[in-house]
Each structure stands twice: as C-alpha cells, then as structure tokens.
PDB file of all heavy atoms in Angstrom:
ATOM      1  N   THR A   1      74.535 133.097 -64.524  1.00  0.00           N
ATOM      2  CA  THR A   1      74.377 134.374 -63.823  1.00  0.00           C
ATOM      3  C   THR A   1      73.150 134.360 -62.937  1.00  0.00           C
ATOM      4  O   THR A   1      73.180 134.841 -61.792  1.00  0.00           O
ATOM      5  CB  THR A   1      74.269 135.528 -64.851  1.00  0.00           C
ATOM      6  OG1 THR A   1      75.468 135.577 -65.631  1.00  0.00           O
ATOM      7  CG2 THR A   1      74.066 136.860 -64.140  1.00  0.00           C
ATOM      8  N   SER A   2      72.050 133.777 -63.423  1.00  0.00           N
ATOM      9  CA  SER A   2      70.826 133.727 -62.617  1.00  0.00           C
ATOM     10  C   SER A   2      71.041 132.881 -61.360  1.00  0.00           C
ATOM     11  O   SER A   2      70.528 133.225 -60.286  1.00  0.00           O
ATOM     12  CB  SER A   2      69.677 133.162 -63.452  1.00  0.00           C
ATOM     13  OG  SER A   2      69.828 131.778 -63.700  1.00  0.00           O
ATOM     14  N   SER A   3      71.792 131.809 -61.482  1.00  0.00           N
ATOM     15  CA  SER A   3      72.049 130.965 -60.318  1.00  0.00           C
ATOM     16  C   SER A   3      72.971 131.654 -59.315  1.00  0.00           C
ATOM     17  O   SER A   3      72.810 131.498 -58.101  1.00  0.00           O
ATOM     18  CB  SER A   3      72.670 129.624 -60.767  1.00  0.00           C
ATOM     19  OG  SER A   3      71.759 128.867 -61.529  1.00  0.00           O
ATOM     20  N   ILE A   4      73.936 132.431 -59.834  1.00  0.00           N
ATOM     21  CA  ILE A   4      74.794 133.205 -58.935  1.00  0.00           C
ATOM     22  C   ILE A   4      73.958 134.214 -58.169  1.00  0.00           C
ATOM     23  O   ILE A   4      74.089 134.370 -56.941  1.00  0.00           O
ATOM     24  CB  ILE A   4      75.905 133.909 -59.740  1.00  0.00           C
ATOM     25  CG1 ILE A   4      76.887 132.892 -60.319  1.00  0.00           C
ATOM     26  CG2 ILE A   4      76.639 134.916 -58.862  1.00  0.00           C
ATOM     27  CD1 ILE A   4      77.914 133.493 -61.239  1.00  0.00           C
ATOM     28  N   VAL A   5      73.088 134.919 -58.888  1.00  0.00           N
ATOM     29  CA  VAL A   5      72.233 135.918 -58.245  1.00  0.00           C
ATOM     30  C   VAL A   5      71.315 135.264 -57.207  1.00  0.00           C
ATOM     31  O   VAL A   5      71.101 135.797 -56.114  1.00  0.00           O
ATOM     32  CB  VAL A   5      71.406 136.670 -59.312  1.00  0.00           C
ATOM     33  CG1 VAL A   5      70.356 137.568 -58.660  1.00  0.00           C
ATOM     34  CG2 VAL A   5      72.338 137.501 -60.206  1.00  0.00           C
ATOM     35  N   ASP A   6      70.773 134.102 -57.544  1.00  0.00           N
ATOM     36  CA  ASP A   6      69.954 133.367 -56.571  1.00  0.00           C
ATOM     37  C   ASP A   6      70.708 133.094 -55.285  1.00  0.00           C
ATOM     38  O   ASP A   6      70.179 133.270 -54.175  1.00  0.00           O
ATOM     39  CB  ASP A   6      69.516 132.025 -57.171  1.00  0.00           C
ATOM     40  CG  ASP A   6      68.157 132.101 -57.864  1.00  0.00           C
ATOM     41  OD1 ASP A   6      67.419 133.081 -57.619  1.00  0.00           O
ATOM     42  OD2 ASP A   6      67.855 131.191 -58.654  1.00  0.00           O
ATOM     43  N   ARG A   7      71.949 132.649 -55.427  1.00  0.00           N
ATOM     44  CA  ARG A   7      72.741 132.268 -54.256  1.00  0.00           C
ATOM     45  C   ARG A   7      73.167 133.471 -53.420  1.00  0.00           C
ATOM     46  O   ARG A   7      73.085 133.447 -52.188  1.00  0.00           O
ATOM     47  CB  ARG A   7      73.977 131.471 -54.693  1.00  0.00           C
ATOM     48  CG  ARG A   7      73.664 130.099 -55.275  1.00  0.00           C
ATOM     49  CD  ARG A   7      73.090 129.170 -54.223  1.00  0.00           C
ATOM     50  NE  ARG A   7      72.859 127.828 -54.780  1.00  0.00           N
ATOM     51  CZ  ARG A   7      72.374 126.810 -54.065  1.00  0.00           C
ATOM     52  NH1 ARG A   7      72.078 126.984 -52.793  1.00  0.00           N
ATOM     53  NH2 ARG A   7      72.189 125.641 -54.626  1.00  0.00           N
ATOM     54  N   VAL A   8      73.641 134.529 -54.074  1.00  0.00           N
ATOM     55  CA  VAL A   8      74.198 135.652 -53.314  1.00  0.00           C
ATOM     56  C   VAL A   8      73.128 136.592 -52.790  1.00  0.00           C
ATOM     57  O   VAL A   8      73.336 137.281 -51.775  1.00  0.00           O
ATOM     58  CB  VAL A   8      75.241 136.430 -54.145  1.00  0.00           C
ATOM     59  CG1 VAL A   8      76.399 135.523 -54.535  1.00  0.00           C
ATOM     60  CG2 VAL A   8      74.621 137.064 -55.379  1.00  0.00           C
ATOM     61  N   LEU A   9      71.964 136.658 -53.459  1.00  0.00           N
ATOM     62  CA  LEU A   9      70.905 137.566 -53.026  1.00  0.00           C
ATOM     63  C   LEU A   9      69.753 136.848 -52.337  1.00  0.00           C
ATOM     64  O   LEU A   9      69.052 137.433 -51.508  1.00  0.00           O
ATOM     65  CB  LEU A   9      70.358 138.373 -54.205  1.00  0.00           C
ATOM     66  CG  LEU A   9      71.331 139.311 -54.924  1.00  0.00           C
ATOM     67  CD1 LEU A   9      70.613 140.072 -56.031  1.00  0.00           C
ATOM     68  CD2 LEU A   9      71.990 140.282 -53.937  1.00  0.00           C
ATOM     69  N   GLY A  10      69.529 135.575 -52.720  1.00  0.00           N
ATOM     70  CA  GLY A  10      68.395 134.848 -52.162  1.00  0.00           C
ATOM     71  C   GLY A  10      67.083 135.308 -52.762  1.00  0.00           C
ATOM     72  O   GLY A  10      67.037 136.092 -53.728  1.00  0.00           O
ATOM     73  N   CYS A  11      65.997 134.832 -52.208  1.00  0.00           N
ATOM     74  CA  CYS A  11      64.648 135.258 -52.602  1.00  0.00           C
ATOM     75  C   CYS A  11      64.362 135.067 -54.082  1.00  0.00           C
ATOM     76  O   CYS A  11      63.530 135.779 -54.655  1.00  0.00           O
ATOM     77  CB  CYS A  11      64.411 136.722 -52.226  1.00  0.00           C
ATOM     78  SG  CYS A  11      64.565 137.057 -50.464  1.00  0.00           S
ATOM     79  N   ASN A  12      65.055 134.121 -54.740  1.00  0.00           N
ATOM     80  CA  ASN A  12      64.807 133.826 -56.155  1.00  0.00           C
ATOM     81  C   ASN A  12      64.954 135.032 -57.057  1.00  0.00           C
ATOM     82  O   ASN A  12      64.222 135.159 -58.062  1.00  0.00           O
ATOM     83  CB  ASN A  12      63.425 133.195 -56.339  1.00  0.00           C
ATOM     84  CG  ASN A  12      63.328 131.820 -55.697  1.00  0.00           C
ATOM     85  OD1 ASN A  12      64.288 131.046 -55.713  1.00  0.00           O
ATOM     86  ND2 ASN A  12      62.173 131.514 -55.129  1.00  0.00           N
ATOM     87  N   TYR A  13      65.881 135.936 -56.724  1.00  0.00           N
ATOM     88  CA  TYR A  13      66.116 137.086 -57.594  1.00  0.00           C
ATOM     89  C   TYR A  13      66.535 136.639 -58.993  1.00  0.00           C
ATOM     90  O   TYR A  13      66.262 137.318 -59.982  1.00  0.00           O
ATOM     91  CB  TYR A  13      67.200 137.996 -57.010  1.00  0.00           C
ATOM     92  CG  TYR A  13      66.676 138.995 -56.001  1.00  0.00           C
ATOM     93  CD1 TYR A  13      66.768 138.760 -54.630  1.00  0.00           C
ATOM     94  CD2 TYR A  13      66.106 140.202 -56.425  1.00  0.00           C
ATOM     95  CE1 TYR A  13      66.316 139.674 -53.711  1.00  0.00           C
ATOM     96  CE2 TYR A  13      65.633 141.126 -55.516  1.00  0.00           C
ATOM     97  CZ  TYR A  13      65.740 140.867 -54.152  1.00  0.00           C
ATOM     98  OH  TYR A  13      65.265 141.776 -53.240  1.00  0.00           O
ATOM     99  N   GLY A  14      67.221 135.500 -59.082  1.00  0.00           N
ATOM    100  CA  GLY A  14      67.690 135.027 -60.374  1.00  0.00           C
ATOM    101  C   GLY A  14      66.591 134.532 -61.290  1.00  0.00           C
ATOM    102  O   GLY A  14      66.814 134.376 -62.492  1.00  0.00           O
ATOM    103  N   GLU A  15      65.409 134.290 -60.739  1.00  0.00           N
ATOM    104  CA  GLU A  15      64.302 133.784 -61.555  1.00  0.00           C
ATOM    105  C   GLU A  15      63.931 134.771 -62.663  1.00  0.00           C
ATOM    106  O   GLU A  15      63.559 134.371 -63.759  1.00  0.00           O
ATOM    107  CB  GLU A  15      63.100 133.492 -60.678  1.00  0.00           C
ATOM    108  CG  GLU A  15      61.941 132.833 -61.426  1.00  0.00           C
ATOM    109  CD  GLU A  15      60.813 132.430 -60.495  1.00  0.00           C
ATOM    110  OE1 GLU A  15      60.951 132.571 -59.265  1.00  0.00           O
ATOM    111  OE2 GLU A  15      59.777 131.973 -61.023  1.00  0.00           O
ATOM    112  N   THR A  16      64.045 136.064 -62.375  1.00  0.00           N
ATOM    113  CA  THR A  16      63.719 137.066 -63.400  1.00  0.00           C
ATOM    114  C   THR A  16      64.677 136.963 -64.585  1.00  0.00           C
ATOM    115  O   THR A  16      64.287 137.181 -65.736  1.00  0.00           O
ATOM    116  CB  THR A  16      63.780 138.488 -62.814  1.00  0.00           C
ATOM    117  OG1 THR A  16      65.104 138.751 -62.319  1.00  0.00           O
ATOM    118  CG2 THR A  16      62.802 138.644 -61.665  1.00  0.00           C
ATOM    119  N   ILE A  17      65.930 136.608 -64.306  1.00  0.00           N
ATOM    120  CA  ILE A  17      66.917 136.450 -65.382  1.00  0.00           C
ATOM    121  C   ILE A  17      66.620 135.203 -66.192  1.00  0.00           C
ATOM    122  O   ILE A  17      66.683 135.202 -67.427  1.00  0.00           O
ATOM    123  CB  ILE A  17      68.344 136.407 -64.797  1.00  0.00           C
ATOM    124  CG1 ILE A  17      68.628 137.658 -63.965  1.00  0.00           C
ATOM    125  CG2 ILE A  17      69.378 136.276 -65.921  1.00  0.00           C
ATOM    126  CD1 ILE A  17      69.941 137.603 -63.196  1.00  0.00           C
ATOM    127  N   ARG A  18      66.267 134.122 -65.504  1.00  0.00           N
ATOM    128  CA  ARG A  18      65.914 132.879 -66.205  1.00  0.00           C
ATOM    129  C   ARG A  18      64.694 133.076 -67.096  1.00  0.00           C
ATOM    130  O   ARG A  18      64.633 132.559 -68.205  1.00  0.00           O
ATOM    131  CB  ARG A  18      65.683 131.750 -65.195  1.00  0.00           C
ATOM    132  CG  ARG A  18      66.946 131.223 -64.547  1.00  0.00           C
ATOM    133  CD  ARG A  18      66.667 129.974 -63.736  1.00  0.00           C
ATOM    134  NE  ARG A  18      65.874 130.261 -62.547  1.00  0.00           N
ATOM    135  CZ  ARG A  18      66.360 130.689 -61.395  1.00  0.00           C
ATOM    136  NH1 ARG A  18      67.661 130.904 -61.292  1.00  0.00           N
ATOM    137  NH2 ARG A  18      65.592 130.909 -60.364  1.00  0.00           N
ATOM    138  N   ASP A  19      63.706 133.813 -66.597  1.00  0.00           N
ATOM    139  CA  ASP A  19      62.485 134.021 -67.360  1.00  0.00           C
ATOM    140  C   ASP A  19      62.732 134.832 -68.640  1.00  0.00           C
ATOM    141  O   ASP A  19      62.035 134.640 -69.650  1.00  0.00           O
ATOM    142  CB  ASP A  19      61.447 134.761 -66.499  1.00  0.00           C
ATOM    143  CG  ASP A  19      60.891 133.878 -65.388  1.00  0.00           C
ATOM    144  OD1 ASP A  19      61.067 132.644 -65.465  1.00  0.00           O
ATOM    145  OD2 ASP A  19      60.313 134.430 -64.430  1.00  0.00           O
ATOM    146  N   ALA A  20      63.704 135.725 -68.590  1.00  0.00           N
ATOM    147  CA  ALA A  20      63.903 136.656 -69.714  1.00  0.00           C
ATOM    148  C   ALA A  20      65.174 136.388 -70.505  1.00  0.00           C
ATOM    149  O   ALA A  20      65.462 137.127 -71.463  1.00  0.00           O
ATOM    150  CB  ALA A  20      63.946 138.094 -69.187  1.00  0.00           C
ATOM    151  N   HIS A  21      65.915 135.342 -70.194  1.00  0.00           N
ATOM    152  CA  HIS A  21      67.264 135.215 -70.740  1.00  0.00           C
ATOM    153  C   HIS A  21      67.296 135.118 -72.280  1.00  0.00           C
ATOM    154  O   HIS A  21      68.257 135.562 -72.915  1.00  0.00           O
ATOM    155  CB  HIS A  21      68.005 134.020 -70.121  1.00  0.00           C
ATOM    156  CG  HIS A  21      67.573 132.683 -70.624  1.00  0.00           C
ATOM    157  ND1 HIS A  21      66.481 132.008 -70.108  1.00  0.00           N
ATOM    158  CD2 HIS A  21      68.084 131.891 -71.598  1.00  0.00           C
ATOM    159  CE1 HIS A  21      66.351 130.858 -70.739  1.00  0.00           C
ATOM    160  NE2 HIS A  21      67.305 130.755 -71.652  1.00  0.00           N
ATOM    161  N   ILE A  22      66.252 134.568 -72.878  1.00  0.00           N
ATOM    162  CA  ILE A  22      66.272 134.446 -74.344  1.00  0.00           C
ATOM    163  C   ILE A  22      66.063 135.798 -75.023  1.00  0.00           C
ATOM    164  O   ILE A  22      66.351 135.949 -76.210  1.00  0.00           O
ATOM    165  CB  ILE A  22      65.227 133.420 -74.846  1.00  0.00           C
ATOM    166  CG1 ILE A  22      63.819 133.876 -74.458  1.00  0.00           C
ATOM    167  CG2 ILE A  22      65.530 132.039 -74.335  1.00  0.00           C
ATOM    168  CD1 ILE A  22      62.732 132.980 -75.059  1.00  0.00           C
ATOM    169  N   TYR A  23      65.548 136.776 -74.286  1.00  0.00           N
ATOM    170  CA  TYR A  23      65.303 138.099 -74.867  1.00  0.00           C
ATOM    171  C   TYR A  23      66.391 139.102 -74.514  1.00  0.00           C
ATOM    172  O   TYR A  23      66.460 140.181 -75.116  1.00  0.00           O
ATOM    173  CB  TYR A  23      63.951 138.643 -74.375  1.00  0.00           C
ATOM    174  CG  TYR A  23      62.782 137.732 -74.631  1.00  0.00           C
ATOM    175  CD1 TYR A  23      62.160 137.061 -73.580  1.00  0.00           C
ATOM    176  CD2 TYR A  23      62.319 137.521 -75.928  1.00  0.00           C
ATOM    177  CE1 TYR A  23      61.082 136.207 -73.812  1.00  0.00           C
ATOM    178  CE2 TYR A  23      61.248 136.670 -76.167  1.00  0.00           C
ATOM    179  CZ  TYR A  23      60.638 136.018 -75.104  1.00  0.00           C
ATOM    180  OH  TYR A  23      59.584 135.176 -75.347  1.00  0.00           O
ATOM    181  N   LEU A  24      67.233 138.779 -73.543  1.00  0.00           N
ATOM    182  CA  LEU A  24      68.255 139.719 -73.113  1.00  0.00           C
ATOM    183  C   LEU A  24      69.374 139.814 -74.154  1.00  0.00           C
ATOM    184  O   LEU A  24      69.766 138.833 -74.753  1.00  0.00           O
ATOM    185  CB  LEU A  24      68.850 139.273 -71.773  1.00  0.00           C
ATOM    186  CG  LEU A  24      67.918 139.347 -70.563  1.00  0.00           C
ATOM    187  CD1 LEU A  24      68.574 138.713 -69.347  1.00  0.00           C
ATOM    188  CD2 LEU A  24      67.529 140.791 -70.267  1.00  0.00           C
ATOM    189  N   PRO A  25      69.912 141.016 -74.359  1.00  0.00           N
ATOM    190  CA  PRO A  25      71.002 141.194 -75.331  1.00  0.00           C
ATOM    191  C   PRO A  25      72.334 140.735 -74.726  1.00  0.00           C
ATOM    192  O   PRO A  25      72.476 140.584 -73.520  1.00  0.00           O
ATOM    193  CB  PRO A  25      70.997 142.699 -75.586  1.00  0.00           C
ATOM    194  CG  PRO A  25      70.486 143.287 -74.309  1.00  0.00           C
ATOM    195  CD  PRO A  25      69.469 142.299 -73.775  1.00  0.00           C
ATOM    196  N   SER A  26      73.316 140.574 -75.603  1.00  0.00           N
ATOM    197  CA  SER A  26      74.639 140.150 -75.142  1.00  0.00           C
ATOM    198  C   SER A  26      75.609 141.322 -75.023  1.00  0.00           C
ATOM    199  O   SER A  26      76.766 141.130 -74.673  1.00  0.00           O
ATOM    200  CB  SER A  26      75.218 139.110 -76.120  1.00  0.00           C
ATOM    201  OG  SER A  26      75.220 139.616 -77.432  1.00  0.00           O
ATOM    202  N   ASP A  27      75.140 142.518 -75.291  1.00  0.00           N
ATOM    203  CA  ASP A  27      75.959 143.728 -75.209  1.00  0.00           C
ATOM    204  C   ASP A  27      75.475 144.546 -74.017  1.00  0.00           C
ATOM    205  O   ASP A  27      74.288 144.870 -73.921  1.00  0.00           O
ATOM    206  CB  ASP A  27      75.794 144.526 -76.506  1.00  0.00           C
ATOM    207  CG  ASP A  27      76.726 145.742 -76.557  1.00  0.00           C
ATOM    208  OD1 ASP A  27      77.096 146.251 -75.487  1.00  0.00           O
ATOM    209  OD2 ASP A  27      77.054 146.187 -77.668  1.00  0.00           O
ATOM    210  N   PRO A  28      76.358 144.910 -73.057  1.00  0.00           N
ATOM    211  CA  PRO A  28      75.927 145.668 -71.879  1.00  0.00           C
ATOM    212  C   PRO A  28      75.333 147.025 -72.225  1.00  0.00           C
ATOM    213  O   PRO A  28      74.467 147.526 -71.505  1.00  0.00           O
ATOM    214  CB  PRO A  28      77.189 145.790 -71.043  1.00  0.00           C
ATOM    215  CG  PRO A  28      78.305 145.550 -71.994  1.00  0.00           C
ATOM    216  CD  PRO A  28      77.791 144.582 -73.008  1.00  0.00           C
ATOM    217  N   THR A  29      75.794 147.647 -73.322  1.00  0.00           N
ATOM    218  CA  THR A  29      75.212 148.940 -73.717  1.00  0.00           C
ATOM    219  C   THR A  29      73.766 148.754 -74.137  1.00  0.00           C
ATOM    220  O   THR A  29      72.900 149.589 -73.823  1.00  0.00           O
ATOM    221  CB  THR A  29      76.015 149.568 -74.873  1.00  0.00           C
ATOM    222  OG1 THR A  29      76.054 148.659 -75.980  1.00  0.00           O
ATOM    223  CG2 THR A  29      77.440 149.878 -74.442  1.00  0.00           C
ATOM    224  N   GLU A  30      73.468 147.673 -74.836  1.00  0.00           N
ATOM    225  CA  GLU A  30      72.089 147.382 -75.225  1.00  0.00           C
ATOM    226  C   GLU A  30      71.251 147.030 -74.000  1.00  0.00           C
ATOM    227  O   GLU A  30      70.053 147.310 -73.942  1.00  0.00           O
ATOM    228  CB  GLU A  30      72.061 146.241 -76.230  1.00  0.00           C
ATOM    229  CG  GLU A  30      72.688 146.582 -77.581  1.00  0.00           C
ATOM    230  CD  GLU A  30      72.658 145.396 -78.534  1.00  0.00           C
ATOM    231  OE1 GLU A  30      71.983 144.400 -78.228  1.00  0.00           O
ATOM    232  OE2 GLU A  30      73.333 145.473 -79.579  1.00  0.00           O
ATOM    233  N   LEU A  31      71.897 146.410 -73.034  1.00  0.00           N
ATOM    234  CA  LEU A  31      71.195 146.064 -71.805  1.00  0.00           C
ATOM    235  C   LEU A  31      70.713 147.331 -71.098  1.00  0.00           C
ATOM    236  O   LEU A  31      69.564 147.410 -70.639  1.00  0.00           O
ATOM    237  CB  LEU A  31      72.130 145.267 -70.891  1.00  0.00           C
ATOM    238  CG  LEU A  31      71.491 144.403 -69.801  1.00  0.00           C
ATOM    239  CD1 LEU A  31      70.792 143.202 -70.422  1.00  0.00           C
ATOM    240  CD2 LEU A  31      72.569 143.913 -68.830  1.00  0.00           C
ATOM    241  N   MET A  32      71.586 148.337 -71.016  1.00  0.00           N
ATOM    242  CA  MET A  32      71.207 149.583 -70.357  1.00  0.00           C
ATOM    243  C   MET A  32      70.196 150.363 -71.207  1.00  0.00           C
ATOM    244  O   MET A  32      69.311 151.024 -70.660  1.00  0.00           O
ATOM    245  CB  MET A  32      72.462 150.438 -70.113  1.00  0.00           C
ATOM    246  CG  MET A  32      73.448 149.790 -69.147  1.00  0.00           C
ATOM    247  SD  MET A  32      72.691 149.274 -67.589  1.00  0.00           S
ATOM    248  CE  MET A  32      72.048 150.826 -67.002  1.00  0.00           C
ATOM    249  N   TYR A  33      70.326 150.278 -72.532  1.00  0.00           N
ATOM    250  CA  TYR A  33      69.338 150.936 -73.398  1.00  0.00           C
ATOM    251  C   TYR A  33      67.964 150.324 -73.181  1.00  0.00           C
ATOM    252  O   TYR A  33      66.956 151.023 -73.100  1.00  0.00           O
ATOM    253  CB  TYR A  33      69.764 150.775 -74.858  1.00  0.00           C
ATOM    254  CG  TYR A  33      68.751 151.305 -75.841  1.00  0.00           C
ATOM    255  CD1 TYR A  33      68.642 152.660 -76.103  1.00  0.00           C
ATOM    256  CD2 TYR A  33      67.886 150.427 -76.501  1.00  0.00           C
ATOM    257  CE1 TYR A  33      67.702 153.153 -76.996  1.00  0.00           C
ATOM    258  CE2 TYR A  33      66.938 150.906 -77.396  1.00  0.00           C
ATOM    259  CZ  TYR A  33      66.848 152.256 -77.645  1.00  0.00           C
ATOM    260  OH  TYR A  33      65.907 152.730 -78.523  1.00  0.00           O
ATOM    261  N   LEU A  34      67.946 148.999 -73.091  1.00  0.00           N
ATOM    262  CA  LEU A  34      66.694 148.291 -72.848  1.00  0.00           C
ATOM    263  C   LEU A  34      66.067 148.728 -71.532  1.00  0.00           C
ATOM    264  O   LEU A  34      64.848 148.909 -71.422  1.00  0.00           O
ATOM    265  CB  LEU A  34      66.985 146.782 -72.812  1.00  0.00           C
ATOM    266  CG  LEU A  34      65.807 145.816 -72.856  1.00  0.00           C
ATOM    267  CD1 LEU A  34      65.223 145.757 -74.257  1.00  0.00           C
ATOM    268  CD2 LEU A  34      66.255 144.437 -72.421  1.00  0.00           C
ATOM    269  N   PHE A  35      66.917 148.941 -70.559  1.00  0.00           N
ATOM    270  CA  PHE A  35      66.437 149.333 -69.226  1.00  0.00           C
ATOM    271  C   PHE A  35      65.767 150.706 -69.257  1.00  0.00           C
ATOM    272  O   PHE A  35      64.873 150.975 -68.453  1.00  0.00           O
ATOM    273  CB  PHE A  35      67.631 149.356 -68.258  1.00  0.00           C
ATOM    274  CG  PHE A  35      67.245 149.637 -66.846  1.00  0.00           C
ATOM    275  CD1 PHE A  35      66.353 148.819 -66.165  1.00  0.00           C
ATOM    276  CD2 PHE A  35      67.777 150.727 -66.181  1.00  0.00           C
ATOM    277  CE1 PHE A  35      66.009 149.091 -64.848  1.00  0.00           C
ATOM    278  CE2 PHE A  35      67.442 150.992 -64.869  1.00  0.00           C
ATOM    279  CZ  PHE A  35      66.551 150.166 -64.198  1.00  0.00           C
ATOM    280  N   GLY A  36      66.173 151.560 -70.199  1.00  0.00           N
ATOM    281  CA  GLY A  36      65.624 152.918 -70.255  1.00  0.00           C
ATOM    282  C   GLY A  36      64.377 153.051 -71.097  1.00  0.00           C
ATOM    283  O   GLY A  36      63.810 154.150 -71.184  1.00  0.00           O
ATOM    284  N   GLN A  37      63.922 151.957 -71.737  1.00  0.00           N
ATOM    285  CA  GLN A  37      62.723 152.021 -72.579  1.00  0.00           C
ATOM    286  C   GLN A  37      61.457 151.998 -71.715  1.00  0.00           C
ATOM    287  O   GLN A  37      61.471 151.590 -70.550  1.00  0.00           O
ATOM    288  CB  GLN A  37      62.711 150.854 -73.572  1.00  0.00           C
ATOM    289  CG  GLN A  37      63.899 150.846 -74.506  1.00  0.00           C
ATOM    290  CD  GLN A  37      64.065 152.162 -75.247  1.00  0.00           C
ATOM    291  OE1 GLN A  37      63.202 152.565 -76.014  1.00  0.00           O
ATOM    292  NE2 GLN A  37      65.182 152.853 -74.987  1.00  0.00           N
ATOM    293  N   CYS A  38      60.364 152.430 -72.329  1.00  0.00           N
ATOM    294  CA  CYS A  38      59.102 152.475 -71.602  1.00  0.00           C
ATOM    295  C   CYS A  38      57.977 151.924 -72.482  1.00  0.00           C
ATOM    296  O   CYS A  38      57.780 152.364 -73.612  1.00  0.00           O
ATOM    297  CB  CYS A  38      58.788 153.919 -71.186  1.00  0.00           C
ATOM    298  SG  CYS A  38      57.224 154.090 -70.286  1.00  0.00           S
ATOM    299  N   SER A  39      57.275 150.941 -71.943  1.00  0.00           N
ATOM    300  CA  SER A  39      56.119 150.379 -72.666  1.00  0.00           C
ATOM    301  C   SER A  39      55.233 149.678 -71.653  1.00  0.00           C
ATOM    302  O   SER A  39      55.692 148.923 -70.811  1.00  0.00           O
ATOM    303  CB  SER A  39      56.584 149.383 -73.734  1.00  0.00           C
ATOM    304  OG  SER A  39      55.451 148.741 -74.308  1.00  0.00           O
ATOM    305  N   THR A  40      53.951 149.955 -71.742  1.00  0.00           N
ATOM    306  CA  THR A  40      52.993 149.309 -70.836  1.00  0.00           C
ATOM    307  C   THR A  40      52.387 148.054 -71.456  1.00  0.00           C
ATOM    308  O   THR A  40      51.619 147.351 -70.797  1.00  0.00           O
ATOM    309  CB  THR A  40      51.862 150.290 -70.470  1.00  0.00           C
ATOM    310  OG1 THR A  40      51.214 150.716 -71.681  1.00  0.00           O
ATOM    311  CG2 THR A  40      52.430 151.498 -69.722  1.00  0.00           C
ATOM    312  N   GLU A  41      52.716 147.801 -72.714  1.00  0.00           N
ATOM    313  CA  GLU A  41      52.092 146.677 -73.410  1.00  0.00           C
ATOM    314  C   GLU A  41      53.064 145.539 -73.728  1.00  0.00           C
ATOM    315  O   GLU A  41      52.624 144.427 -74.003  1.00  0.00           O
ATOM    316  CB  GLU A  41      51.466 147.170 -74.736  1.00  0.00           C
ATOM    317  CG  GLU A  41      50.395 148.219 -74.526  1.00  0.00           C
ATOM    318  CD  GLU A  41      49.821 148.703 -75.846  1.00  0.00           C
ATOM    319  OE1 GLU A  41      50.319 148.271 -76.910  1.00  0.00           O
ATOM    320  OE2 GLU A  41      48.876 149.514 -75.813  1.00  0.00           O
ATOM    321  N   ASP A  42      54.339 145.805 -73.694  1.00  0.00           N
ATOM    322  CA  ASP A  42      55.346 144.793 -74.052  1.00  0.00           C
ATOM    323  C   ASP A  42      55.740 144.014 -72.802  1.00  0.00           C
ATOM    324  O   ASP A  42      56.540 144.475 -71.984  1.00  0.00           O
ATOM    325  CB  ASP A  42      56.564 145.472 -74.674  1.00  0.00           C
ATOM    326  CG  ASP A  42      57.529 144.463 -75.288  1.00  0.00           C
ATOM    327  OD1 ASP A  42      57.455 143.274 -74.922  1.00  0.00           O
ATOM    328  OD2 ASP A  42      58.365 144.876 -76.115  1.00  0.00           O
ATOM    329  N   PHE A  43      55.185 142.811 -72.659  1.00  0.00           N
ATOM    330  CA  PHE A  43      55.484 142.003 -71.479  1.00  0.00           C
ATOM    331  C   PHE A  43      56.951 141.576 -71.459  1.00  0.00           C
ATOM    332  O   PHE A  43      57.576 141.541 -70.392  1.00  0.00           O
ATOM    333  CB  PHE A  43      54.586 140.757 -71.460  1.00  0.00           C
ATOM    334  CG  PHE A  43      54.917 139.792 -70.357  1.00  0.00           C
ATOM    335  CD1 PHE A  43      54.493 140.018 -69.056  1.00  0.00           C
ATOM    336  CD2 PHE A  43      55.691 138.655 -70.623  1.00  0.00           C
ATOM    337  CE1 PHE A  43      54.815 139.126 -68.044  1.00  0.00           C
ATOM    338  CE2 PHE A  43      56.004 137.761 -69.614  1.00  0.00           C
ATOM    339  CZ  PHE A  43      55.562 137.993 -68.316  1.00  0.00           C
ATOM    340  N   ASN A  44      57.513 141.266 -72.634  1.00  0.00           N
ATOM    341  CA  ASN A  44      58.907 140.843 -72.692  1.00  0.00           C
ATOM    342  C   ASN A  44      59.837 141.957 -72.227  1.00  0.00           C
ATOM    343  O   ASN A  44      60.847 141.692 -71.568  1.00  0.00           O
ATOM    344  CB  ASN A  44      59.274 140.415 -74.113  1.00  0.00           C
ATOM    345  CG  ASN A  44      58.598 139.119 -74.515  1.00  0.00           C
ATOM    346  OD1 ASN A  44      58.265 138.291 -73.663  1.00  0.00           O
ATOM    347  ND2 ASN A  44      58.390 138.931 -75.819  1.00  0.00           N
TER     348      ASN A  44
END
C-alpha cells in the first residue's frame, strides 16, 4: 500500500505508512478510531 501511494501521489507520501506499518491496525474501524485520538506525547 505504501508503494502504491508513493507511485500515485508522489512526494514519498507512502513513507509515512512504511514508518508506522507495524503499529497500524488491520481493522479499518480501528484505523479511524486511531485517527480520532489525541496525544502530544505518543510519537507512534
């Protein structure tokens, strides 16, 4: 997915996915839940 994003968007957009892929969930609902969280200290 990161390589697809790199190719279709350019500018190494896929690098963010590669950097975080081990922490990303496999459920899209959890993905959106993760997106709605707020923390200034959690780098992951």
